[in-house]
Amino acid sequence: MAFDLDGTLLDSVPDIAQAVAHTMAELKLPAREQEQVRGWIGNGAQVLIKRALSGDINGDVPENVFKKAYPIFLKYYAEFLNRDSVIYDGVENTLAAFKSAGIKLACITNKPAQFTTPLLEEIGLLPYFDKVVCGDSYAQRKPHPMPLLEVAEFFKVLPEQSIMVGDSVNDIKAAQAAGFYSICVDYGYHGDYDVHQFGADVVISHFSQINQLLQQAA
């Protein structure tokens, strides 16, 4: 079973927004609201900062502007990595139940590795995962199916025996392309999209509902 990180396991927007705010201030560019940043997360740090620089979802900015801003953002995000981030209700108990049941667990995120592992360790979720895949682990990242297929191969299970849990269209597209069963949480980062339009096999409103789904399927 695989899980997205930001917007699925953890509300990391407050810290990411702080890093964006400090980046924009250092570059003397217009401030971005936290809710704007919330809608820009999901495609990795590089796309996020391009969206912040441009002020829109397309993230069209000159390469020289991006190259100046990105290291500044990385510096600030390392500083604010786990100040105000909060694990969503039900996540830890549910992961603990899966772990004790012997279910193999993976975290598949588009967040760079330099932040993912330290963050999972600091918030106490790292021990639950048998495999952590980051945005720079493979040549492709979500919505490409490669990270999910690599995880299935790692665990020696068929894709159709695997589950992907996420909050964004990228998670569900990756699951569909890989042949995974898909579960979408409706509380995460999905911008103006209606999560019921993503085509997930099931949509849930609380993380603990995953356990109920597995019990019903058993």
N, C-alpha and C. Protein backbone atom coordinates (compact mmCIF):
# COMPACT_ATOMS: atom_id res chain seq x y z
N MET A 1 0.84 -1.19 0.00
CA MET A 1 0.00 0.00 0.00
C MET A 1 0.88 1.24 0.00
N ALA A 2 0.58 2.20 -0.89
CA ALA A 2 1.41 3.39 -1.04
C ALA A 2 0.62 4.65 -0.71
N PHE A 3 1.32 5.62 -0.15
CA PHE A 3 0.69 6.86 0.28
C PHE A 3 1.47 8.08 -0.21
N ASP A 4 0.73 9.08 -0.68
CA ASP A 4 1.31 10.38 -0.93
C ASP A 4 1.63 11.02 0.43
N LEU A 5 2.44 12.06 0.44
CA LEU A 5 2.82 12.70 1.70
C LEU A 5 2.04 13.99 1.95
N ASP A 6 2.39 15.04 1.22
CA ASP A 6 1.76 16.36 1.44
C ASP A 6 0.30 16.33 1.02
N GLY A 7 -0.57 16.68 1.96
CA GLY A 7 -2.00 16.72 1.66
C GLY A 7 -2.71 15.41 1.88
N THR A 8 -1.94 14.36 2.16
CA THR A 8 -2.52 13.04 2.42
C THR A 8 -2.20 12.58 3.84
N LEU A 9 -0.92 12.57 4.17
CA LEU A 9 -0.49 12.21 5.52
C LEU A 9 -0.29 13.44 6.39
N LEU A 10 0.09 14.53 5.75
CA LEU A 10 0.58 15.70 6.48
C LEU A 10 0.09 17.00 5.85
N ASP A 11 -0.36 17.92 6.69
CA ASP A 11 -0.66 19.28 6.22
C ASP A 11 0.62 20.10 6.39
N SER A 12 1.37 20.20 5.31
CA SER A 12 2.67 20.89 5.34
C SER A 12 2.59 22.30 4.76
N VAL A 13 1.40 22.74 4.38
CA VAL A 13 1.24 24.06 3.76
C VAL A 13 1.80 25.20 4.60
N PRO A 14 1.55 25.23 5.93
CA PRO A 14 2.06 26.37 6.71
C PRO A 14 3.58 26.56 6.56
N ASP A 15 4.33 25.47 6.57
CA ASP A 15 5.79 25.58 6.46
C ASP A 15 6.24 25.90 5.04
N ILE A 16 5.60 25.28 4.05
CA ILE A 16 5.94 25.56 2.66
C ILE A 16 5.62 27.01 2.33
N ALA A 17 4.49 27.49 2.82
CA ALA A 17 4.09 28.88 2.57
C ALA A 17 5.06 29.87 3.20
N GLN A 18 5.59 29.52 4.37
CA GLN A 18 6.60 30.37 5.01
C GLN A 18 7.85 30.46 4.16
N ALA A 19 8.27 29.32 3.62
CA ALA A 19 9.46 29.29 2.77
C ALA A 19 9.24 30.11 1.51
N VAL A 20 8.05 30.00 0.93
CA VAL A 20 7.71 30.79 -0.26
C VAL A 20 7.71 32.28 0.09
N ALA A 21 7.11 32.63 1.23
CA ALA A 21 7.03 34.03 1.65
C ALA A 21 8.41 34.65 1.81
N HIS A 22 9.32 33.92 2.44
CA HIS A 22 10.67 34.44 2.65
C HIS A 22 11.43 34.54 1.33
N THR A 23 11.18 33.58 0.44
CA THR A 23 11.81 33.63 -0.88
C THR A 23 11.37 34.86 -1.65
N MET A 24 10.08 35.10 -1.68
CA MET A 24 9.54 36.25 -2.41
C MET A 24 10.04 37.56 -1.81
N ALA A 25 10.11 37.61 -0.48
CA ALA A 25 10.58 38.82 0.19
C ALA A 25 12.05 39.10 -0.14
N GLU A 26 12.87 38.04 -0.13
CA GLU A 26 14.29 38.23 -0.44
C GLU A 26 14.49 38.71 -1.87
N LEU A 27 13.62 38.25 -2.77
CA LEU A 27 13.72 38.66 -4.17
C LEU A 27 12.96 39.95 -4.46
N LYS A 28 12.33 40.50 -3.39
CA LYS A 28 11.55 41.73 -3.51
C LYS A 28 10.43 41.58 -4.55
N LEU A 29 9.76 40.44 -4.46
CA LEU A 29 8.64 40.14 -5.34
C LEU A 29 7.34 40.12 -4.53
N PRO A 30 6.19 40.19 -5.19
CA PRO A 30 4.91 40.23 -4.47
C PRO A 30 4.70 39.01 -3.57
N ALA A 31 4.12 39.24 -2.39
CA ALA A 31 3.84 38.16 -1.45
C ALA A 31 2.77 37.24 -2.02
N ARG A 32 2.80 35.96 -1.59
CA ARG A 32 1.78 34.98 -2.00
C ARG A 32 1.04 34.50 -0.76
N GLU A 33 -0.28 34.42 -0.86
CA GLU A 33 -1.10 33.97 0.26
C GLU A 33 -0.95 32.47 0.48
N GLN A 34 -1.15 32.05 1.72
CA GLN A 34 -1.03 30.62 2.05
C GLN A 34 -2.00 29.78 1.23
N GLU A 35 -3.20 30.28 1.01
CA GLU A 35 -4.18 29.50 0.24
C GLU A 35 -3.79 29.39 -1.22
N GLN A 36 -3.08 30.40 -1.75
CA GLN A 36 -2.54 30.28 -3.11
C GLN A 36 -1.53 29.15 -3.17
N VAL A 37 -0.63 29.13 -2.20
CA VAL A 37 0.41 28.09 -2.14
C VAL A 37 -0.23 26.72 -2.03
N ARG A 38 -1.28 26.60 -1.26
CA ARG A 38 -1.99 25.32 -1.09
C ARG A 38 -2.43 24.76 -2.45
N GLY A 39 -2.87 25.62 -3.33
CA GLY A 39 -3.34 25.19 -4.65
C GLY A 39 -2.22 24.89 -5.63
N TRP A 40 -0.97 25.25 -5.26
CA TRP A 40 0.16 25.06 -6.18
C TRP A 40 1.00 23.83 -5.85
N ILE A 41 0.68 23.15 -4.75
CA ILE A 41 1.49 22.01 -4.31
C ILE A 41 1.05 20.74 -5.04
N GLY A 42 2.01 19.81 -5.24
CA GLY A 42 1.66 18.50 -5.78
C GLY A 42 2.54 18.04 -6.93
N ASN A 43 3.27 18.99 -7.54
CA ASN A 43 4.11 18.62 -8.67
C ASN A 43 5.60 18.75 -8.37
N GLY A 44 5.94 18.85 -7.09
CA GLY A 44 7.34 18.98 -6.72
C GLY A 44 7.73 20.42 -6.46
N ALA A 45 8.90 20.59 -5.83
CA ALA A 45 9.35 21.91 -5.38
C ALA A 45 9.66 22.85 -6.54
N GLN A 46 10.21 22.32 -7.63
CA GLN A 46 10.57 23.19 -8.75
C GLN A 46 9.34 23.82 -9.38
N VAL A 47 8.32 23.02 -9.59
CA VAL A 47 7.08 23.54 -10.17
C VAL A 47 6.41 24.51 -9.20
N LEU A 48 6.45 24.18 -7.92
CA LEU A 48 5.85 25.06 -6.91
C LEU A 48 6.46 26.45 -6.97
N ILE A 49 7.79 26.54 -6.99
CA ILE A 49 8.43 27.86 -6.95
C ILE A 49 8.21 28.60 -8.26
N LYS A 50 8.10 27.88 -9.37
CA LYS A 50 7.76 28.54 -10.64
C LYS A 50 6.36 29.14 -10.57
N ARG A 51 5.45 28.41 -9.95
CA ARG A 51 4.08 28.92 -9.80
C ARG A 51 4.05 30.13 -8.87
N ALA A 52 4.85 30.08 -7.82
CA ALA A 52 4.90 31.21 -6.88
C ALA A 52 5.49 32.45 -7.56
N LEU A 53 6.52 32.25 -8.36
CA LEU A 53 7.16 33.37 -9.05
C LEU A 53 6.22 34.01 -10.06
N SER A 54 5.47 33.17 -10.78
CA SER A 54 4.58 33.67 -11.83
C SER A 54 3.22 34.09 -11.28
N GLY A 55 2.86 33.52 -10.13
CA GLY A 55 1.57 33.84 -9.55
C GLY A 55 0.41 33.08 -10.16
N ASP A 56 0.72 32.05 -10.96
CA ASP A 56 -0.36 31.24 -11.53
C ASP A 56 0.05 29.78 -11.67
N ILE A 57 -0.92 28.95 -11.95
CA ILE A 57 -0.73 27.50 -11.95
C ILE A 57 0.17 27.05 -13.09
N ASN A 58 0.27 27.83 -14.16
CA ASN A 58 1.08 27.43 -15.31
C ASN A 58 2.57 27.53 -15.02
N GLY A 59 2.94 28.46 -14.15
CA GLY A 59 4.34 28.57 -13.73
C GLY A 59 5.30 28.96 -14.83
N ASP A 60 4.86 29.84 -15.74
CA ASP A 60 5.73 30.27 -16.84
C ASP A 60 6.63 31.42 -16.40
N VAL A 61 7.89 31.12 -16.15
CA VAL A 61 8.86 32.14 -15.76
C VAL A 61 10.17 31.92 -16.52
N PRO A 62 10.91 32.99 -16.78
CA PRO A 62 12.22 32.83 -17.44
C PRO A 62 13.14 31.93 -16.62
N GLU A 63 13.95 31.13 -17.31
CA GLU A 63 14.81 30.17 -16.64
C GLU A 63 15.79 30.85 -15.68
N ASN A 64 16.29 32.03 -16.06
CA ASN A 64 17.25 32.71 -15.18
C ASN A 64 16.60 33.16 -13.88
N VAL A 65 15.33 33.52 -13.94
CA VAL A 65 14.60 33.92 -12.73
C VAL A 65 14.41 32.71 -11.81
N PHE A 66 14.02 31.60 -12.42
CA PHE A 66 13.84 30.37 -11.64
C PHE A 66 15.15 29.93 -10.99
N LYS A 67 16.24 29.96 -11.76
CA LYS A 67 17.53 29.50 -11.24
C LYS A 67 18.03 30.35 -10.09
N LYS A 68 17.64 31.61 -10.07
CA LYS A 68 18.00 32.48 -8.96
C LYS A 68 17.14 32.19 -7.73
N ALA A 69 15.86 31.94 -7.96
CA ALA A 69 14.91 31.79 -6.86
C ALA A 69 14.95 30.42 -6.20
N TYR A 70 15.17 29.37 -6.99
CA TYR A 70 15.03 28.01 -6.45
C TYR A 70 15.99 27.71 -5.30
N PRO A 71 17.27 28.04 -5.39
CA PRO A 71 18.15 27.78 -4.24
C PRO A 71 17.75 28.55 -2.99
N ILE A 72 17.18 29.75 -3.21
CA ILE A 72 16.72 30.54 -2.06
C ILE A 72 15.55 29.82 -1.38
N PHE A 73 14.63 29.30 -2.19
CA PHE A 73 13.50 28.56 -1.62
C PHE A 73 13.98 27.33 -0.86
N LEU A 74 14.92 26.58 -1.44
CA LEU A 74 15.44 25.38 -0.78
C LEU A 74 16.05 25.73 0.57
N LYS A 75 16.77 26.84 0.61
CA LYS A 75 17.39 27.30 1.87
C LYS A 75 16.32 27.55 2.93
N TYR A 76 15.27 28.26 2.55
CA TYR A 76 14.23 28.59 3.53
C TYR A 76 13.38 27.37 3.89
N TYR A 77 13.11 26.50 2.92
CA TYR A 77 12.30 25.32 3.26
C TYR A 77 13.04 24.40 4.23
N ALA A 78 14.35 24.29 4.06
CA ALA A 78 15.15 23.51 5.02
C ALA A 78 15.02 24.10 6.42
N GLU A 79 14.91 25.42 6.48
CA GLU A 79 14.79 26.11 7.78
C GLU A 79 13.41 25.91 8.39
N PHE A 80 12.38 25.93 7.55
CA PHE A 80 10.99 25.85 8.04
C PHE A 80 10.38 24.47 7.87
N LEU A 81 11.19 23.45 7.66
CA LEU A 81 10.71 22.12 7.25
C LEU A 81 9.60 21.57 8.14
N ASN A 82 9.75 21.72 9.45
CA ASN A 82 8.76 21.12 10.36
C ASN A 82 8.46 22.04 11.53
N ARG A 83 8.05 23.26 11.22
CA ARG A 83 7.68 24.22 12.27
C ARG A 83 6.20 24.07 12.65
N ASP A 84 5.36 24.12 11.63
CA ASP A 84 3.90 24.15 11.88
C ASP A 84 3.15 23.07 11.11
N SER A 85 3.86 22.14 10.49
CA SER A 85 3.20 21.04 9.78
C SER A 85 2.49 20.13 10.78
N VAL A 86 1.35 19.58 10.37
CA VAL A 86 0.53 18.77 11.27
C VAL A 86 0.12 17.47 10.57
N ILE A 87 0.31 16.34 11.25
CA ILE A 87 -0.17 15.06 10.73
C ILE A 87 -1.70 15.06 10.79
N TYR A 88 -2.33 14.62 9.71
CA TYR A 88 -3.79 14.59 9.69
C TYR A 88 -4.32 13.56 10.70
N ASP A 89 -5.50 13.85 11.19
CA ASP A 89 -6.15 13.00 12.19
C ASP A 89 -6.33 11.57 11.64
N GLY A 90 -5.97 10.60 12.44
CA GLY A 90 -6.16 9.20 12.09
C GLY A 90 -5.01 8.56 11.34
N VAL A 91 -4.06 9.36 10.89
CA VAL A 91 -2.96 8.83 10.07
C VAL A 91 -2.08 7.87 10.87
N GLU A 92 -1.61 8.31 12.01
CA GLU A 92 -0.63 7.50 12.75
C GLU A 92 -1.25 6.19 13.24
N ASN A 93 -2.45 6.25 13.78
CA ASN A 93 -3.11 5.03 14.27
C ASN A 93 -3.36 4.04 13.14
N THR A 94 -3.76 4.56 11.99
CA THR A 94 -4.06 3.70 10.84
C THR A 94 -2.79 3.04 10.30
N LEU A 95 -1.73 3.84 10.16
CA LEU A 95 -0.46 3.27 9.68
C LEU A 95 0.07 2.23 10.66
N ALA A 96 -0.09 2.50 11.95
CA ALA A 96 0.37 1.55 12.97
C ALA A 96 -0.40 0.24 12.88
N ALA A 97 -1.70 0.34 12.61
CA ALA A 97 -2.53 -0.87 12.48
C ALA A 97 -2.11 -1.68 11.25
N PHE A 98 -1.83 -0.99 10.14
CA PHE A 98 -1.38 -1.68 8.94
C PHE A 98 -0.03 -2.35 9.17
N LYS A 99 0.86 -1.63 9.84
CA LYS A 99 2.20 -2.15 10.09
C LYS A 99 2.12 -3.41 10.96
N SER A 100 1.31 -3.37 11.99
CA SER A 100 1.19 -4.52 12.89
C SER A 100 0.52 -5.70 12.21
N ALA A 101 -0.28 -5.41 11.17
CA ALA A 101 -0.94 -6.47 10.40
C ALA A 101 -0.02 -7.06 9.34
N GLY A 102 1.18 -6.51 9.22
CA GLY A 102 2.15 -7.04 8.26
C GLY A 102 1.98 -6.52 6.84
N ILE A 103 1.19 -5.46 6.68
CA ILE A 103 1.01 -4.87 5.35
C ILE A 103 2.24 -4.03 5.00
N LYS A 104 2.79 -4.24 3.82
CA LYS A 104 3.95 -3.48 3.37
C LYS A 104 3.51 -2.08 2.95
N LEU A 105 4.21 -1.08 3.47
CA LEU A 105 3.81 0.31 3.26
C LEU A 105 4.92 1.10 2.56
N ALA A 106 4.50 1.96 1.65
CA ALA A 106 5.44 2.85 0.95
C ALA A 106 4.90 4.27 0.97
N CYS A 107 5.80 5.23 0.98
CA CYS A 107 5.45 6.63 0.79
C CYS A 107 5.99 7.04 -0.57
N ILE A 108 5.11 7.53 -1.44
CA ILE A 108 5.51 7.97 -2.77
C ILE A 108 5.13 9.44 -2.92
N THR A 109 6.13 10.31 -2.92
CA THR A 109 5.90 11.75 -2.96
C THR A 109 6.71 12.38 -4.08
N ASN A 110 6.26 13.55 -4.52
CA ASN A 110 7.04 14.32 -5.49
C ASN A 110 8.00 15.29 -4.80
N LYS A 111 8.00 15.28 -3.48
CA LYS A 111 8.91 16.13 -2.72
C LYS A 111 10.34 15.62 -2.88
N PRO A 112 11.33 16.52 -3.01
CA PRO A 112 12.72 16.07 -3.14
C PRO A 112 13.19 15.26 -1.93
N ALA A 113 14.10 14.34 -2.16
CA ALA A 113 14.59 13.45 -1.10
C ALA A 113 15.23 14.21 0.05
N GLN A 114 15.89 15.35 -0.26
CA GLN A 114 16.60 16.09 0.79
C GLN A 114 15.66 16.60 1.87
N PHE A 115 14.35 16.68 1.55
CA PHE A 115 13.36 17.11 2.54
C PHE A 115 12.50 15.95 3.04
N THR A 116 12.23 14.99 2.17
CA THR A 116 11.27 13.94 2.50
C THR A 116 11.70 13.10 3.70
N THR A 117 12.88 12.52 3.63
CA THR A 117 13.32 11.64 4.72
C THR A 117 13.47 12.37 6.05
N PRO A 118 14.12 13.56 6.09
CA PRO A 118 14.19 14.28 7.37
C PRO A 118 12.81 14.63 7.92
N LEU A 119 11.89 15.01 7.03
CA LEU A 119 10.56 15.39 7.48
C LEU A 119 9.82 14.18 8.06
N LEU A 120 9.84 13.05 7.33
CA LEU A 120 9.18 11.84 7.84
C LEU A 120 9.78 11.42 9.18
N GLU A 121 11.10 11.59 9.31
CA GLU A 121 11.77 11.22 10.56
C GLU A 121 11.34 12.14 11.69
N GLU A 122 11.31 13.43 11.43
CA GLU A 122 10.96 14.41 12.47
C GLU A 122 9.53 14.26 12.95
N ILE A 123 8.61 13.96 12.03
CA ILE A 123 7.21 13.84 12.44
C ILE A 123 6.88 12.44 12.96
N GLY A 124 7.84 11.54 12.89
CA GLY A 124 7.67 10.22 13.49
C GLY A 124 7.01 9.18 12.62
N LEU A 125 6.88 9.45 11.32
CA LEU A 125 6.22 8.48 10.44
C LEU A 125 7.18 7.57 9.69
N LEU A 126 8.45 7.89 9.66
CA LEU A 126 9.41 7.12 8.87
C LEU A 126 9.43 5.63 9.22
N PRO A 127 9.36 5.24 10.50
CA PRO A 127 9.42 3.81 10.83
C PRO A 127 8.30 2.96 10.25
N TYR A 128 7.21 3.61 9.86
CA TYR A 128 6.08 2.84 9.32
C TYR A 128 6.33 2.37 7.88
N PHE A 129 7.26 3.03 7.18
CA PHE A 129 7.42 2.76 5.76
C PHE A 129 8.58 1.84 5.45
N ASP A 130 8.29 0.83 4.63
CA ASP A 130 9.31 -0.11 4.16
C ASP A 130 10.05 0.44 2.95
N LYS A 131 9.44 1.44 2.30
CA LYS A 131 10.03 2.03 1.10
C LYS A 131 9.57 3.48 1.00
N VAL A 132 10.51 4.40 0.73
CA VAL A 132 10.19 5.81 0.53
C VAL A 132 10.70 6.21 -0.85
N VAL A 133 9.80 6.70 -1.68
CA VAL A 133 10.14 7.15 -3.03
C VAL A 133 9.87 8.65 -3.13
N CYS A 134 10.88 9.40 -3.59
CA CYS A 134 10.79 10.85 -3.66
C CYS A 134 10.71 11.33 -5.11
N GLY A 135 10.53 12.62 -5.28
CA GLY A 135 10.38 13.17 -6.61
C GLY A 135 11.61 13.02 -7.48
N ASP A 136 12.76 12.82 -6.83
CA ASP A 136 14.01 12.66 -7.58
C ASP A 136 14.59 11.26 -7.44
N SER A 137 13.77 10.30 -7.03
CA SER A 137 14.26 8.92 -6.89
C SER A 137 14.43 8.22 -8.24
N TYR A 138 13.53 8.52 -9.19
CA TYR A 138 13.55 7.88 -10.49
C TYR A 138 13.52 8.94 -11.59
N ALA A 139 13.63 8.50 -12.82
CA ALA A 139 13.63 9.42 -13.96
C ALA A 139 12.28 10.12 -14.11
N GLN A 140 11.21 9.47 -13.63
CA GLN A 140 9.87 10.03 -13.73
C GLN A 140 9.25 10.12 -12.34
N ARG A 141 8.29 10.99 -12.19
CA ARG A 141 7.54 11.12 -10.94
C ARG A 141 6.05 11.21 -11.25
N LYS A 142 5.22 11.10 -10.23
CA LYS A 142 3.77 11.20 -10.45
C LYS A 142 3.44 12.48 -11.21
N PRO A 143 2.54 12.43 -12.19
CA PRO A 143 1.54 11.41 -12.50
C PRO A 143 2.03 10.23 -13.34
N HIS A 144 3.33 10.19 -13.67
CA HIS A 144 3.86 9.03 -14.39
C HIS A 144 3.76 7.80 -13.49
N PRO A 145 3.46 6.63 -14.05
CA PRO A 145 3.30 5.43 -13.23
C PRO A 145 4.61 4.84 -12.70
N MET A 146 5.76 5.30 -13.22
CA MET A 146 7.03 4.66 -12.87
C MET A 146 7.26 4.48 -11.37
N PRO A 147 7.10 5.53 -10.54
CA PRO A 147 7.36 5.33 -9.11
C PRO A 147 6.50 4.23 -8.49
N LEU A 148 5.24 4.14 -8.91
CA LEU A 148 4.34 3.13 -8.36
C LEU A 148 4.74 1.74 -8.83
N LEU A 149 5.08 1.62 -10.10
CA LEU A 149 5.48 0.32 -10.64
C LEU A 149 6.79 -0.15 -10.01
N GLU A 150 7.69 0.77 -9.73
CA GLU A 150 8.94 0.42 -9.06
C GLU A 150 8.68 -0.09 -7.65
N VAL A 151 7.72 0.52 -6.97
CA VAL A 151 7.36 0.08 -5.62
C VAL A 151 6.74 -1.32 -5.65
N ALA A 152 5.85 -1.56 -6.62
CA ALA A 152 5.25 -2.89 -6.75
C ALA A 152 6.33 -3.93 -7.01
N GLU A 153 7.29 -3.59 -7.86
CA GLU A 153 8.40 -4.49 -8.15
C GLU A 153 9.25 -4.73 -6.90
N PHE A 154 9.49 -3.69 -6.15
CA PHE A 154 10.28 -3.78 -4.91
C PHE A 154 9.65 -4.77 -3.93
N PHE A 155 8.32 -4.72 -3.82
CA PHE A 155 7.60 -5.60 -2.89
C PHE A 155 7.23 -6.94 -3.52
N LYS A 156 7.55 -7.10 -4.81
CA LYS A 156 7.23 -8.34 -5.52
C LYS A 156 5.74 -8.64 -5.50
N VAL A 157 4.95 -7.60 -5.77
CA VAL A 157 3.50 -7.76 -5.85
C VAL A 157 3.02 -7.22 -7.19
N LEU A 158 1.89 -7.69 -7.65
CA LEU A 158 1.31 -7.20 -8.89
C LEU A 158 0.67 -5.84 -8.65
N PRO A 159 0.68 -4.96 -9.65
CA PRO A 159 0.03 -3.67 -9.50
C PRO A 159 -1.43 -3.79 -9.07
N GLU A 160 -2.13 -4.78 -9.64
CA GLU A 160 -3.55 -4.93 -9.29
C GLU A 160 -3.78 -5.41 -7.86
N GLN A 161 -2.70 -5.79 -7.19
CA GLN A 161 -2.77 -6.14 -5.76
C GLN A 161 -2.34 -4.97 -4.88
N SER A 162 -2.13 -3.82 -5.50
CA SER A 162 -1.57 -2.66 -4.80
C SER A 162 -2.57 -1.51 -4.72
N ILE A 163 -2.36 -0.64 -3.73
CA ILE A 163 -3.26 0.49 -3.49
C ILE A 163 -2.44 1.77 -3.41
N MET A 164 -2.93 2.83 -4.05
CA MET A 164 -2.33 4.16 -3.92
C MET A 164 -3.33 5.09 -3.27
N VAL A 165 -2.89 5.75 -2.20
CA VAL A 165 -3.74 6.70 -1.48
C VAL A 165 -3.15 8.10 -1.67
N GLY A 166 -3.95 9.02 -2.19
CA GLY A 166 -3.46 10.37 -2.40
C GLY A 166 -4.57 11.39 -2.38
N ASP A 167 -4.18 12.65 -2.59
CA ASP A 167 -5.16 13.74 -2.51
C ASP A 167 -5.28 14.53 -3.81
N SER A 168 -4.40 14.26 -4.77
CA SER A 168 -4.38 15.10 -5.98
C SER A 168 -4.62 14.27 -7.24
N VAL A 169 -4.86 14.99 -8.32
CA VAL A 169 -5.08 14.33 -9.61
C VAL A 169 -3.83 13.57 -10.03
N ASN A 170 -2.65 14.05 -9.64
CA ASN A 170 -1.41 13.35 -9.99
C ASN A 170 -1.35 11.96 -9.36
N ASP A 171 -1.81 11.85 -8.12
CA ASP A 171 -1.82 10.56 -7.43
C ASP A 171 -2.75 9.58 -8.14
N ILE A 172 -3.93 10.06 -8.49
CA ILE A 172 -4.93 9.18 -9.09
C ILE A 172 -4.55 8.82 -10.52
N LYS A 173 -4.01 9.76 -11.28
CA LYS A 173 -3.54 9.46 -12.63
C LYS A 173 -2.42 8.42 -12.61
N ALA A 174 -1.49 8.58 -11.66
CA ALA A 174 -0.39 7.62 -11.54
C ALA A 174 -0.93 6.23 -11.20
N ALA A 175 -1.90 6.18 -10.28
CA ALA A 175 -2.48 4.90 -9.87
C ALA A 175 -3.18 4.23 -11.05
N GLN A 176 -3.95 5.01 -11.79
CA GLN A 176 -4.68 4.46 -12.93
C GLN A 176 -3.71 3.93 -14.00
N ALA A 177 -2.66 4.70 -14.25
CA ALA A 177 -1.69 4.30 -15.28
C ALA A 177 -0.90 3.07 -14.86
N ALA A 178 -0.70 2.92 -13.55
CA ALA A 178 0.08 1.78 -13.04
C ALA A 178 -0.79 0.55 -12.82
N GLY A 179 -2.11 0.72 -12.79
CA GLY A 179 -3.00 -0.41 -12.52
C GLY A 179 -3.25 -0.64 -11.05
N PHE A 180 -2.96 0.39 -10.22
CA PHE A 180 -3.22 0.31 -8.79
C PHE A 180 -4.68 0.64 -8.49
N TYR A 181 -5.21 0.09 -7.41
CA TYR A 181 -6.48 0.55 -6.86
C TYR A 181 -6.22 1.93 -6.27
N SER A 182 -7.12 2.88 -6.50
CA SER A 182 -6.87 4.25 -6.05
C SER A 182 -7.87 4.73 -5.01
N ILE A 183 -7.34 5.34 -3.95
CA ILE A 183 -8.16 5.95 -2.91
C ILE A 183 -7.77 7.42 -2.84
N CYS A 184 -8.76 8.31 -2.97
CA CYS A 184 -8.51 9.74 -2.91
C CYS A 184 -9.10 10.32 -1.63
N VAL A 185 -8.29 11.06 -0.88
CA VAL A 185 -8.80 11.77 0.29
C VAL A 185 -9.28 13.15 -0.16
N ASP A 186 -10.38 13.62 0.40
CA ASP A 186 -10.95 14.88 -0.10
C ASP A 186 -10.51 16.11 0.69
N TYR A 187 -9.60 15.91 1.65
CA TYR A 187 -9.21 17.04 2.51
C TYR A 187 -7.88 17.68 2.12
N GLY A 188 -7.21 17.16 1.09
CA GLY A 188 -5.85 17.60 0.80
C GLY A 188 -5.75 18.77 -0.16
N TYR A 189 -4.72 18.73 -1.00
CA TYR A 189 -4.40 19.83 -1.89
C TYR A 189 -4.83 19.48 -3.31
N HIS A 190 -5.95 20.00 -3.71
CA HIS A 190 -6.43 19.69 -5.07
C HIS A 190 -6.92 20.95 -5.78
N GLY A 191 -6.50 22.10 -5.27
CA GLY A 191 -6.85 23.36 -5.93
C GLY A 191 -8.35 23.53 -6.09
N ASP A 192 -8.74 23.94 -7.27
CA ASP A 192 -10.17 24.16 -7.55
C ASP A 192 -10.85 22.90 -8.10
N TYR A 193 -10.11 21.81 -8.16
CA TYR A 193 -10.66 20.58 -8.72
C TYR A 193 -11.64 19.91 -7.75
N ASP A 194 -12.62 19.24 -8.31
CA ASP A 194 -13.53 18.40 -7.54
C ASP A 194 -12.93 16.99 -7.53
N VAL A 195 -12.54 16.52 -6.34
CA VAL A 195 -11.86 15.22 -6.25
C VAL A 195 -12.72 14.08 -6.78
N HIS A 196 -14.03 14.27 -6.78
CA HIS A 196 -14.92 13.22 -7.28
C HIS A 196 -14.83 13.08 -8.81
N GLN A 197 -14.17 14.04 -9.45
CA GLN A 197 -14.00 13.99 -10.91
C GLN A 197 -12.67 13.34 -11.32
N PHE A 198 -11.83 12.97 -10.34
CA PHE A 198 -10.51 12.41 -10.66
C PHE A 198 -10.59 10.99 -11.19
N GLY A 199 -11.69 10.30 -10.89
CA GLY A 199 -11.84 8.92 -11.34
C GLY A 199 -11.26 7.90 -10.38
N ALA A 200 -11.04 8.29 -9.12
CA ALA A 200 -10.53 7.35 -8.12
C ALA A 200 -11.55 6.24 -7.88
N ASP A 201 -11.06 5.09 -7.45
CA ASP A 201 -11.97 3.98 -7.15
C ASP A 201 -12.86 4.31 -5.97
N VAL A 202 -12.34 5.09 -5.03
CA VAL A 202 -13.15 5.51 -3.89
C VAL A 202 -12.60 6.83 -3.36
N VAL A 203 -13.50 7.67 -2.84
CA VAL A 203 -13.12 8.94 -2.21
C VAL A 203 -13.51 8.87 -0.74
N ILE A 204 -12.58 9.26 0.14
CA ILE A 204 -12.84 9.23 1.58
C ILE A 204 -12.59 10.61 2.18
N SER A 205 -13.15 10.83 3.37
CA SER A 205 -13.01 12.11 4.04
C SER A 205 -12.17 12.03 5.30
N HIS A 206 -11.84 10.82 5.74
CA HIS A 206 -11.01 10.64 6.94
C HIS A 206 -10.07 9.47 6.70
N PHE A 207 -8.82 9.65 7.09
CA PHE A 207 -7.80 8.66 6.79
C PHE A 207 -8.14 7.27 7.34
N SER A 208 -8.79 7.22 8.49
CA SER A 208 -9.09 5.94 9.13
C SER A 208 -10.08 5.10 8.32
N GLN A 209 -10.78 5.73 7.38
CA GLN A 209 -11.73 4.99 6.54
C GLN A 209 -11.03 3.94 5.67
N ILE A 210 -9.72 4.13 5.44
CA ILE A 210 -8.97 3.15 4.65
C ILE A 210 -9.01 1.79 5.33
N ASN A 211 -8.86 1.79 6.64
CA ASN A 211 -8.90 0.55 7.41
C ASN A 211 -10.25 -0.14 7.28
N GLN A 212 -11.32 0.66 7.31
CA GLN A 212 -12.67 0.11 7.17
C GLN A 212 -12.85 -0.50 5.78
N LEU A 213 -12.30 0.16 4.76
CA LEU A 213 -12.39 -0.36 3.39
C LEU A 213 -11.71 -1.71 3.25
N LEU A 214 -10.53 -1.84 3.89
CA LEU A 214 -9.79 -3.10 3.80
C LEU A 214 -10.52 -4.21 4.54
N GLN A 215 -11.14 -3.88 5.67
CA GLN A 215 -11.87 -4.87 6.44
C GLN A 215 -13.09 -5.36 5.66
N GLN A 216 -13.74 -4.44 4.95
CA GLN A 216 -14.90 -4.82 4.14
C GLN A 216 -14.49 -5.72 2.97
N ALA A 217 -13.30 -5.45 2.44
CA ALA A 217 -12.83 -6.22 1.28
C ALA A 217 -12.30 -7.60 1.67
N ALA A 218 -11.93 -7.72 2.93
CA ALA A 218 -11.31 -8.98 3.39
C ALA A 218 -12.32 -10.14 3.40
